[in-house]
Amino acid sequence: MKWPAVPGRYRIGDPENPVAVCTLKDVDLEVGGVAICGPCMTENIGIEKVVKNVISNPNIRFLVLCGNEPRGHFVGQALKCLKENGVGEGNRIIGASGAMPFVKNLSKEEIDRFRNQVEVIDMIGVSDTEEISRVVRDCVRRNPGPFRGAAGVRDVPEVEAEFDHKREIKLDERGWFTVSINRTRNLIVVEHYRGYGKDAELNCRIVGRTVEEITGTIVKMGLVSDLYHAAYLGKEIQKAEIALRTGKRYEQDEKIY
């Protein structure tokens, strides 16, 4: 089985080391001498990723929780509850205090494996790397050896992205757009046209500085009907925003430089 099982914002150490470290919201907190170290921001999908990456490596026998809790999510507390109590109806972590402590993408077998495989070490609120490292070294000394039994991590198919928008995007019945930059006003300019060829007629001009505000306006006005067209347009406006912020040259359908 591949390890780590799922992608995330983590740093890999020695796969044979028995310790994993979760730094909660402290993304810059780095602890050495471990198998894997990284943050976790949410008490649902975040915890699911932690569990899958822990149980997919039978050498990991300790999970150290350190750093500060993400506000309102109580991820460390939820991980402790998952270890101590498991889940109840709807895969809700029993006793968790966060707003949405539901681990819908973990099977009973995965949860049982996590609860049996690792000892959870509570250092929540501690950001002193020397103090954390002392606990890590103690865990290494107490290493009971690899956990027995197949991990059985449930995963989803990985689809390799392949799409040629110039070949597959069809004309949108609601019209088409041009995207440009107005350096004088420091704005992205998106013009919407109805009709094609000799019947093309400018419908409106949308100006703004971010992809969120411009695409949100386009959707609110109902100017797109084709999802591929919408995805293409979002990509072009994002490129225009980057060019506007960085001073690079922007031409629609070309790379920014």
C-alpha atoms as a PDB file:
ATOM      1  CA  MET A   1       0.000   0.000   0.000  1.00  0.00           C
ATOM      2  CA  LYS A   2       1.222   3.475  -0.864  1.00  0.00           C
ATOM      3  CA  TRP A   3       2.121   5.772   2.016  1.00  0.00           C
ATOM      4  CA  PRO A   4       1.032   8.387   2.774  1.00  0.00           C
ATOM      5  CA  ALA A   5      -2.335   7.162   1.547  1.00  0.00           C
ATOM      6  CA  VAL A   6      -3.825  10.585   0.815  1.00  0.00           C
ATOM      7  CA  PRO A   7      -2.336  13.966  -0.151  1.00  0.00           C
ATOM      8  CA  GLY A   8      -2.082  16.787   2.348  1.00  0.00           C
ATOM      9  CA  ARG A   9       0.061  19.548   3.816  1.00  0.00           C
ATOM     10  CA  TYR A  10       2.595  17.418   5.665  1.00  0.00           C
ATOM     11  CA  ARG A  11       6.307  16.664   5.843  1.00  0.00           C
ATOM     12  CA  ILE A  12       7.599  13.109   5.568  1.00  0.00           C
ATOM     13  CA  GLY A  13      10.421  11.778   7.719  1.00  0.00           C
ATOM     14  CA  ASP A  14      11.400   8.158   8.306  1.00  0.00           C
ATOM     15  CA  PRO A  15       8.532   5.790   7.343  1.00  0.00           C
ATOM     16  CA  GLU A  16       9.811   3.266   9.888  1.00  0.00           C
ATOM     17  CA  ASN A  17       9.583   5.761  12.750  1.00  0.00           C
ATOM     18  CA  PRO A  18       6.689   4.991  15.164  1.00  0.00           C
ATOM     19  CA  VAL A  19       5.568   8.611  15.700  1.00  0.00           C
ATOM     20  CA  ALA A  20       3.203  10.868  13.761  1.00  0.00           C
ATOM     21  CA  VAL A  21       2.766  14.502  14.837  1.00  0.00           C
ATOM     22  CA  CYS A  22      -0.322  16.639  14.247  1.00  0.00           C
ATOM     23  CA  THR A  23       0.407  20.336  14.807  1.00  0.00           C
ATOM     24  CA  LEU A  24      -3.276  21.354  14.543  1.00  0.00           C
ATOM     25  CA  LYS A  25      -3.515  24.930  13.192  1.00  0.00           C
ATOM     26  CA  ASP A  26       0.231  25.657  13.589  1.00  0.00           C
ATOM     27  CA  VAL A  27       1.278  25.105   9.971  1.00  0.00           C
ATOM     28  CA  ASP A  28       4.846  26.310  10.540  1.00  0.00           C
ATOM     29  CA  LEU A  29       5.535  24.110  13.564  1.00  0.00           C
ATOM     30  CA  GLU A  30       8.066  21.465  12.492  1.00  0.00           C
ATOM     31  CA  VAL A  31       9.060  18.489  14.596  1.00  0.00           C
ATOM     32  CA  GLY A  32      11.912  16.251  13.467  1.00  0.00           C
ATOM     33  CA  GLY A  33      12.642  12.607  14.181  1.00  0.00           C
ATOM     34  CA  VAL A  34       9.140  11.411  13.238  1.00  0.00           C
ATOM     35  CA  ALA A  35       7.427   9.529  10.409  1.00  0.00           C
ATOM     36  CA  ILE A  36       5.130  12.365   9.382  1.00  0.00           C
ATOM     37  CA  CYS A  37       4.326  15.842  10.696  1.00  0.00           C
ATOM     38  CA  GLY A  38       1.661  18.302   9.595  1.00  0.00           C
ATOM     39  CA  PRO A  39      -1.333  20.446  10.569  1.00  0.00           C
ATOM     40  CA  CYS A  40      -5.034  19.574  10.651  1.00  0.00           C
ATOM     41  CA  MET A  41      -7.658  22.317  10.452  1.00  0.00           C
ATOM     42  CA  THR A  42     -11.046  20.580  10.460  1.00  0.00           C
ATOM     43  CA  GLU A  43     -12.782  18.004  12.633  1.00  0.00           C
ATOM     44  CA  ASN A  44     -14.177  16.090   9.643  1.00  0.00           C
ATOM     45  CA  ILE A  45     -12.218  15.855   6.368  1.00  0.00           C
ATOM     46  CA  GLY A  46      -8.981  16.884   8.076  1.00  0.00           C
ATOM     47  CA  ILE A  47      -9.309  14.125  10.658  1.00  0.00           C
ATOM     48  CA  GLU A  48     -10.189  11.619   7.938  1.00  0.00           C
ATOM     49  CA  LYS A  49      -6.892  12.371   6.185  1.00  0.00           C
ATOM     50  CA  VAL A  50      -4.925  12.067   9.440  1.00  0.00           C
ATOM     51  CA  VAL A  51      -6.487   8.679  10.187  1.00  0.00           C
ATOM     52  CA  LYS A  52      -5.881   7.290   6.697  1.00  0.00           C
ATOM     53  CA  ASN A  53      -2.249   8.417   6.665  1.00  0.00           C
ATOM     54  CA  VAL A  54      -1.639   6.942  10.119  1.00  0.00           C
ATOM     55  CA  ILE A  55      -3.240   3.541   9.586  1.00  0.00           C
ATOM     56  CA  SER A  56      -1.714   3.069   6.128  1.00  0.00           C
ATOM     57  CA  ASN A  57       1.688   2.825   7.841  1.00  0.00           C
ATOM     58  CA  PRO A  58       1.719  -0.007  10.420  1.00  0.00           C
ATOM     59  CA  ASN A  59       4.976   1.346  11.883  1.00  0.00           C
ATOM     60  CA  ILE A  60       3.148   4.378  13.317  1.00  0.00           C
ATOM     61  CA  ARG A  61       2.105   3.599  16.900  1.00  0.00           C
ATOM     62  CA  PHE A  62       1.881   7.084  18.428  1.00  0.00           C
ATOM     63  CA  LEU A  63       0.042  10.232  17.372  1.00  0.00           C
ATOM     64  CA  VAL A  64       1.267  13.365  19.149  1.00  0.00           C
ATOM     65  CA  LEU A  65      -1.217  16.276  19.191  1.00  0.00           C
ATOM     66  CA  CYS A  66       0.496  19.634  19.687  1.00  0.00           C
ATOM     67  CA  GLY A  67       0.197  23.264  18.665  1.00  0.00           C
ATOM     68  CA  ASN A  68      -2.969  25.334  19.016  1.00  0.00           C
ATOM     69  CA  GLU A  69      -6.511  24.290  18.237  1.00  0.00           C
ATOM     70  CA  PRO A  70      -8.160  25.811  15.135  1.00  0.00           C
ATOM     71  CA  ARG A  71     -10.794  28.247  16.412  1.00  0.00           C
ATOM     72  CA  GLY A  72     -14.218  26.625  16.629  1.00  0.00           C
ATOM     73  CA  HIS A  73     -13.119  23.238  15.301  1.00  0.00           C
ATOM     74  CA  PHE A  74     -11.418  21.574  18.319  1.00  0.00           C
ATOM     75  CA  VAL A  75      -9.597  19.096  16.082  1.00  0.00           C
ATOM     76  CA  GLY A  76      -7.270  17.802  18.795  1.00  0.00           C
ATOM     77  CA  GLN A  77     -10.173  17.209  21.158  1.00  0.00           C
ATOM     78  CA  ALA A  78     -12.058  15.397  18.368  1.00  0.00           C
ATOM     79  CA  LEU A  79      -9.077  13.129  17.633  1.00  0.00           C
ATOM     80  CA  LYS A  80      -8.856  12.245  21.309  1.00  0.00           C
ATOM     81  CA  CYS A  81     -12.592  11.474  21.356  1.00  0.00           C
ATOM     82  CA  LEU A  82     -12.273   9.340  18.228  1.00  0.00           C
ATOM     83  CA  LYS A  83      -9.565   7.299  19.939  1.00  0.00           C
ATOM     84  CA  GLU A  84     -11.438   7.023  23.252  1.00  0.00           C
ATOM     85  CA  ASN A  85     -15.064   6.784  22.129  1.00  0.00           C
ATOM     86  CA  GLY A  86     -15.263   5.977  18.428  1.00  0.00           C
ATOM     87  CA  VAL A  87     -18.285   7.135  16.433  1.00  0.00           C
ATOM     88  CA  GLY A  88     -22.032   7.014  16.836  1.00  0.00           C
ATOM     89  CA  GLU A  89     -24.977   7.588  14.510  1.00  0.00           C
ATOM     90  CA  GLY A  90     -24.025   9.113  11.180  1.00  0.00           C
ATOM     91  CA  ASN A  91     -20.319   8.569  11.947  1.00  0.00           C
ATOM     92  CA  ARG A  92     -20.375  11.465  14.400  1.00  0.00           C
ATOM     93  CA  ILE A  93     -17.363  11.376  16.739  1.00  0.00           C
ATOM     94  CA  ILE A  94     -18.781  10.696  20.196  1.00  0.00           C
ATOM     95  CA  GLY A  95     -18.076  13.534  22.621  1.00  0.00           C
ATOM     96  CA  ALA A  96     -16.451  15.860  20.050  1.00  0.00           C
ATOM     97  CA  SER A  97     -17.107  19.561  20.637  1.00  0.00           C
ATOM     98  CA  GLY A  98     -16.600  20.902  17.111  1.00  0.00           C
ATOM     99  CA  ALA A  99     -19.425  22.078  14.879  1.00  0.00           C
ATOM    100  CA  MET A 100     -19.217  19.207  12.356  1.00  0.00           C
ATOM    101  CA  PRO A 101     -17.331  16.217  13.792  1.00  0.00           C
ATOM    102  CA  PHE A 102     -18.597  13.752  11.167  1.00  0.00           C
ATOM    103  CA  VAL A 103     -16.108  11.344   9.547  1.00  0.00           C
ATOM    104  CA  LYS A 104     -18.298  10.115   6.701  1.00  0.00           C
ATOM    105  CA  ASN A 105     -15.369   8.840   4.636  1.00  0.00           C
ATOM    106  CA  LEU A 106     -13.993   6.472   7.263  1.00  0.00           C
ATOM    107  CA  SER A 107     -15.239   2.902   7.459  1.00  0.00           C
ATOM    108  CA  LYS A 108     -15.808   1.068  10.738  1.00  0.00           C
ATOM    109  CA  GLU A 109     -12.719  -1.018   9.982  1.00  0.00           C
ATOM    110  CA  GLU A 110     -10.568   2.082   9.477  1.00  0.00           C
ATOM    111  CA  ILE A 111     -11.810   3.656  12.702  1.00  0.00           C
ATOM    112  CA  ASP A 112     -11.243   0.445  14.664  1.00  0.00           C
ATOM    113  CA  ARG A 113      -7.757   0.155  13.176  1.00  0.00           C
ATOM    114  CA  PHE A 114      -6.914   3.712  14.256  1.00  0.00           C
ATOM    115  CA  ARG A 115      -8.205   3.180  17.789  1.00  0.00           C
ATOM    116  CA  ASN A 116      -6.207  -0.035  18.167  1.00  0.00           C
ATOM    117  CA  GLN A 117      -3.036   0.955  16.337  1.00  0.00           C
ATOM    118  CA  VAL A 118      -2.027   4.253  17.942  1.00  0.00           C
ATOM    119  CA  GLU A 119      -1.640   5.821  21.349  1.00  0.00           C
ATOM    120  CA  VAL A 120      -2.722   9.463  21.240  1.00  0.00           C
ATOM    121  CA  ILE A 121      -0.432  11.819  23.162  1.00  0.00           C
ATOM    122  CA  ASP A 122      -2.111  15.063  24.305  1.00  0.00           C
ATOM    123  CA  MET A 123       0.227  18.057  24.010  1.00  0.00           C
ATOM    124  CA  ILE A 124      -2.466  20.435  22.756  1.00  0.00           C
ATOM    125  CA  GLY A 125      -1.383  24.031  23.285  1.00  0.00           C
ATOM    126  CA  VAL A 126       2.332  23.178  23.377  1.00  0.00           C
ATOM    127  CA  SER A 127       4.452  24.755  20.616  1.00  0.00           C
ATOM    128  CA  ASP A 128       7.907  24.362  22.172  1.00  0.00           C
ATOM    129  CA  THR A 129       9.714  22.027  19.752  1.00  0.00           C
ATOM    130  CA  GLU A 130      12.233  20.930  22.380  1.00  0.00           C
ATOM    131  CA  GLU A 131       9.470  19.841  24.742  1.00  0.00           C
ATOM    132  CA  ILE A 132       7.630  18.066  21.927  1.00  0.00           C
ATOM    133  CA  SER A 133      10.839  16.384  20.779  1.00  0.00           C
ATOM    134  CA  ARG A 134      11.442  15.015  24.281  1.00  0.00           C
ATOM    135  CA  VAL A 135       8.016  13.350  24.164  1.00  0.00           C
ATOM    136  CA  VAL A 136       8.723  12.051  20.657  1.00  0.00           C
ATOM    137  CA  ARG A 137      11.994  10.471  21.806  1.00  0.00           C
ATOM    138  CA  ASP A 138      10.171   8.811  24.697  1.00  0.00           C
ATOM    139  CA  CYS A 139       7.637   7.352  22.248  1.00  0.00           C
ATOM    140  CA  VAL A 140      10.452   6.012  20.079  1.00  0.00           C
ATOM    141  CA  ARG A 141      11.946   4.288  23.137  1.00  0.00           C
ATOM    142  CA  ARG A 142       8.552   2.729  23.916  1.00  0.00           C
ATOM    143  CA  ASN A 143       7.959   1.561  20.345  1.00  0.00           C
ATOM    144  CA  PRO A 144       6.041  -1.754  20.501  1.00  0.00           C
ATOM    145  CA  GLY A 145       6.831  -2.561  16.875  1.00  0.00           C
ATOM    146  CA  PRO A 146       4.663  -2.585  13.748  1.00  0.00           C
ATOM    147  CA  PHE A 147       0.930  -3.108  14.163  1.00  0.00           C
ATOM    148  CA  ARG A 148      -0.242  -6.462  12.846  1.00  0.00           C
ATOM    149  CA  GLY A 149      -2.945  -6.902  10.226  1.00  0.00           C
ATOM    150  CA  ALA A 150      -3.713  -5.407   6.824  1.00  0.00           C
ATOM    151  CA  ALA A 151      -4.475  -1.704   6.876  1.00  0.00           C
ATOM    152  CA  GLY A 152      -7.359  -1.897   4.404  1.00  0.00           C
ATOM    153  CA  VAL A 153      -7.561   1.838   3.734  1.00  0.00           C
ATOM    154  CA  ARG A 154     -10.595   2.694   1.630  1.00  0.00           C
ATOM    155  CA  ASP A 155      -9.710   4.990  -1.246  1.00  0.00           C
ATOM    156  CA  VAL A 156     -11.388   6.464  -4.320  1.00  0.00           C
ATOM    157  CA  PRO A 157     -10.263   6.081  -7.935  1.00  0.00           C
ATOM    158  CA  GLU A 158      -7.589   8.517  -9.104  1.00  0.00           C
ATOM    159  CA  VAL A 159      -8.476  10.032 -12.470  1.00  0.00           C
ATOM    160  CA  GLU A 160      -5.711  11.473 -14.604  1.00  0.00           C
ATOM    161  CA  ALA A 161      -6.836  14.876 -15.873  1.00  0.00           C
ATOM    162  CA  GLU A 162      -7.004  15.153 -19.654  1.00  0.00           C
ATOM    163  CA  PHE A 163      -9.033  17.824 -21.408  1.00  0.00           C
ATOM    164  CA  ASP A 164      -8.543  19.955 -24.509  1.00  0.00           C
ATOM    165  CA  HIS A 165     -10.848  22.959 -24.120  1.00  0.00           C
ATOM    166  CA  LYS A 166     -10.170  24.205 -27.649  1.00  0.00           C
ATOM    167  CA  ARG A 167     -11.403  20.908 -29.068  1.00  0.00           C
ATOM    168  CA  GLU A 168     -14.237  20.115 -26.672  1.00  0.00           C
ATOM    169  CA  ILE A 169     -15.800  23.431 -25.596  1.00  0.00           C
ATOM    170  CA  LYS A 170     -18.867  24.270 -27.657  1.00  0.00           C
ATOM    171  CA  LEU A 171     -20.407  27.686 -28.238  1.00  0.00           C
ATOM    172  CA  ASP A 172     -22.414  28.890 -25.252  1.00  0.00           C
ATOM    173  CA  GLU A 173     -25.987  29.799 -26.182  1.00  0.00           C
ATOM    174  CA  ARG A 174     -25.800  32.785 -23.824  1.00  0.00           C
ATOM    175  CA  GLY A 175     -22.822  34.355 -25.543  1.00  0.00           C
ATOM    176  CA  TRP A 176     -19.068  34.761 -25.195  1.00  0.00           C
ATOM    177  CA  PHE A 177     -16.499  36.919 -23.419  1.00  0.00           C
ATOM    178  CA  THR A 178     -13.316  38.853 -23.946  1.00  0.00           C
ATOM    179  CA  VAL A 179     -10.942  39.327 -21.005  1.00  0.00           C
ATOM    180  CA  SER A 180      -8.410  42.137 -20.764  1.00  0.00           C
ATOM    181  CA  ILE A 181      -6.623  44.407 -18.282  1.00  0.00           C
ATOM    182  CA  ASN A 182      -6.936  48.171 -17.907  1.00  0.00           C
ATOM    183  CA  ARG A 183      -3.632  49.210 -16.342  1.00  0.00           C
ATOM    184  CA  THR A 184      -4.669  52.843 -16.019  1.00  0.00           C
ATOM    185  CA  ARG A 185      -7.652  51.986 -13.805  1.00  0.00           C
ATOM    186  CA  ASN A 186      -5.979  48.874 -12.341  1.00  0.00           C
ATOM    187  CA  LEU A 187      -8.964  46.739 -13.319  1.00  0.00           C
ATOM    188  CA  ILE A 188      -9.799  43.458 -15.041  1.00  0.00           C
ATOM    189  CA  VAL A 189     -12.264  44.103 -17.879  1.00  0.00           C
ATOM    190  CA  VAL A 190     -14.619  41.356 -19.048  1.00  0.00           C
ATOM    191  CA  GLU A 191     -16.939  42.102 -21.982  1.00  0.00           C
ATOM    192  CA  HIS A 192     -19.940  39.906 -22.723  1.00  0.00           C
ATOM    193  CA  TYR A 193     -21.244  39.538 -26.274  1.00  0.00           C
ATOM    194  CA  ARG A 194     -24.471  37.998 -27.510  1.00  0.00           C
ATOM    195  CA  GLY A 195     -24.527  36.316 -30.905  1.00  0.00           C
ATOM    196  CA  TYR A 196     -21.638  35.180 -33.047  1.00  0.00           C
ATOM    197  CA  GLY A 197     -19.897  36.385 -36.189  1.00  0.00           C
ATOM    198  CA  LYS A 198     -21.666  39.283 -37.920  1.00  0.00           C
ATOM    199  CA  ASP A 199     -24.457  39.092 -35.313  1.00  0.00           C
ATOM    200  CA  ALA A 200     -22.132  39.648 -32.326  1.00  0.00           C
ATOM    201  CA  GLU A 201     -23.341  42.506 -30.136  1.00  0.00           C
ATOM    202  CA  LEU A 202     -21.760  43.850 -26.928  1.00  0.00           C
ATOM    203  CA  ASN A 203     -24.169  43.202 -24.055  1.00  0.00           C
ATOM    204  CA  CYS A 204     -22.282  44.552 -21.019  1.00  0.00           C
ATOM    205  CA  ARG A 205     -18.857  45.271 -19.578  1.00  0.00           C
ATOM    206  CA  ILE A 206     -17.933  43.886 -16.139  1.00  0.00           C
ATOM    207  CA  VAL A 207     -14.981  45.378 -14.270  1.00  0.00           C
ATOM    208  CA  GLY A 208     -13.316  44.323 -11.027  1.00  0.00           C
ATOM    209  CA  ARG A 209     -10.033  43.326  -9.403  1.00  0.00           C
ATOM    210  CA  THR A 210     -10.541  39.701  -8.331  1.00  0.00           C
ATOM    211  CA  VAL A 211     -11.686  36.490  -9.963  1.00  0.00           C
ATOM    212  CA  GLU A 212     -14.209  35.946  -7.159  1.00  0.00           C
ATOM    213  CA  GLU A 213     -16.089  39.204  -7.653  1.00  0.00           C
ATOM    214  CA  ILE A 214     -16.110  39.019 -11.447  1.00  0.00           C
ATOM    215  CA  THR A 215     -17.114  35.363 -11.781  1.00  0.00           C
ATOM    216  CA  GLY A 216     -19.703  35.837  -9.044  1.00  0.00           C
ATOM    217  CA  THR A 217     -21.222  38.719 -11.004  1.00  0.00           C
ATOM    218  CA  ILE A 218     -21.255  36.665 -14.221  1.00  0.00           C
ATOM    219  CA  VAL A 219     -23.039  33.786 -12.490  1.00  0.00           C
ATOM    220  CA  LYS A 220     -25.499  36.137 -10.754  1.00  0.00           C
ATOM    221  CA  MET A 221     -26.367  37.743 -14.099  1.00  0.00           C
ATOM    222  CA  GLY A 222     -26.877  34.313 -15.700  1.00  0.00           C
ATOM    223  CA  LEU A 223     -24.413  34.944 -18.533  1.00  0.00           C
ATOM    224  CA  VAL A 224     -23.096  31.368 -18.841  1.00  0.00           C
ATOM    225  CA  SER A 225     -24.927  28.099 -19.440  1.00  0.00           C
ATOM    226  CA  ASP A 226     -22.100  25.685 -20.254  1.00  0.00           C
ATOM    227  CA  LEU A 227     -19.920  24.328 -17.425  1.00  0.00           C
ATOM    228  CA  TYR A 228     -16.843  23.921 -19.628  1.00  0.00           C
ATOM    229  CA  HIS A 229     -17.241  27.521 -20.762  1.00  0.00           C
ATOM    230  CA  ALA A 230     -17.554  28.655 -17.146  1.00  0.00           C
ATOM    231  CA  ALA A 231     -14.404  26.743 -16.152  1.00  0.00           C
ATOM    232  CA  TYR A 232     -12.468  28.232 -19.080  1.00  0.00           C
ATOM    233  CA  LEU A 233     -13.654  31.730 -18.208  1.00  0.00           C
ATOM    234  CA  GLY A 234     -12.648  31.310 -14.548  1.00  0.00           C
ATOM    235  CA  LYS A 235      -9.160  30.237 -15.636  1.00  0.00           C
ATOM    236  CA  GLU A 236      -8.744  33.258 -17.910  1.00  0.00           C
ATOM    237  CA  ILE A 237      -9.934  35.732 -15.279  1.00  0.00           C
ATOM    238  CA  GLN A 238      -7.605  34.149 -12.709  1.00  0.00           C
ATOM    239  CA  LYS A 239      -4.699  34.633 -15.130  1.00  0.00           C
ATOM    240  CA  ALA A 240      -5.746  38.257 -15.613  1.00  0.00           C
ATOM    241  CA  GLU A 241      -5.824  38.810 -11.846  1.00  0.00           C
ATOM    242  CA  ILE A 242      -2.322  37.349 -11.459  1.00  0.00           C
ATOM    243  CA  ALA A 243      -1.042  39.539 -14.284  1.00  0.00           C
ATOM    244  CA  LEU A 244      -2.708  42.599 -12.773  1.00  0.00           C
ATOM    245  CA  ARG A 245      -1.097  41.990  -9.382  1.00  0.00           C
ATOM    246  CA  THR A 246       2.361  41.069 -10.662  1.00  0.00           C
ATOM    247  CA  GLY A 247       2.694  43.487 -13.573  1.00  0.00           C
ATOM    248  CA  LYS A 248       2.998  40.676 -16.114  1.00  0.00           C
ATOM    249  CA  ARG A 249       1.551  40.867 -19.593  1.00  0.00           C
ATOM    250  CA  TYR A 250      -1.848  39.296 -20.191  1.00  0.00           C
ATOM    251  CA  GLU A 251      -3.370  38.183 -23.492  1.00  0.00           C
ATOM    252  CA  GLN A 252      -6.468  35.976 -23.554  1.00  0.00           C
ATOM    253  CA  ASP A 253      -5.694  32.330 -24.410  1.00  0.00           C
ATOM    254  CA  GLU A 254      -1.956  32.931 -24.021  1.00  0.00           C
ATOM    255  CA  LYS A 255       0.421  32.201 -21.138  1.00  0.00           C
ATOM    256  CA  ILE A 256       1.118  35.134 -18.847  1.00  0.00           C
ATOM    257  CA  TYR A 257       4.665  36.442 -19.033  1.00  0.00           C
END
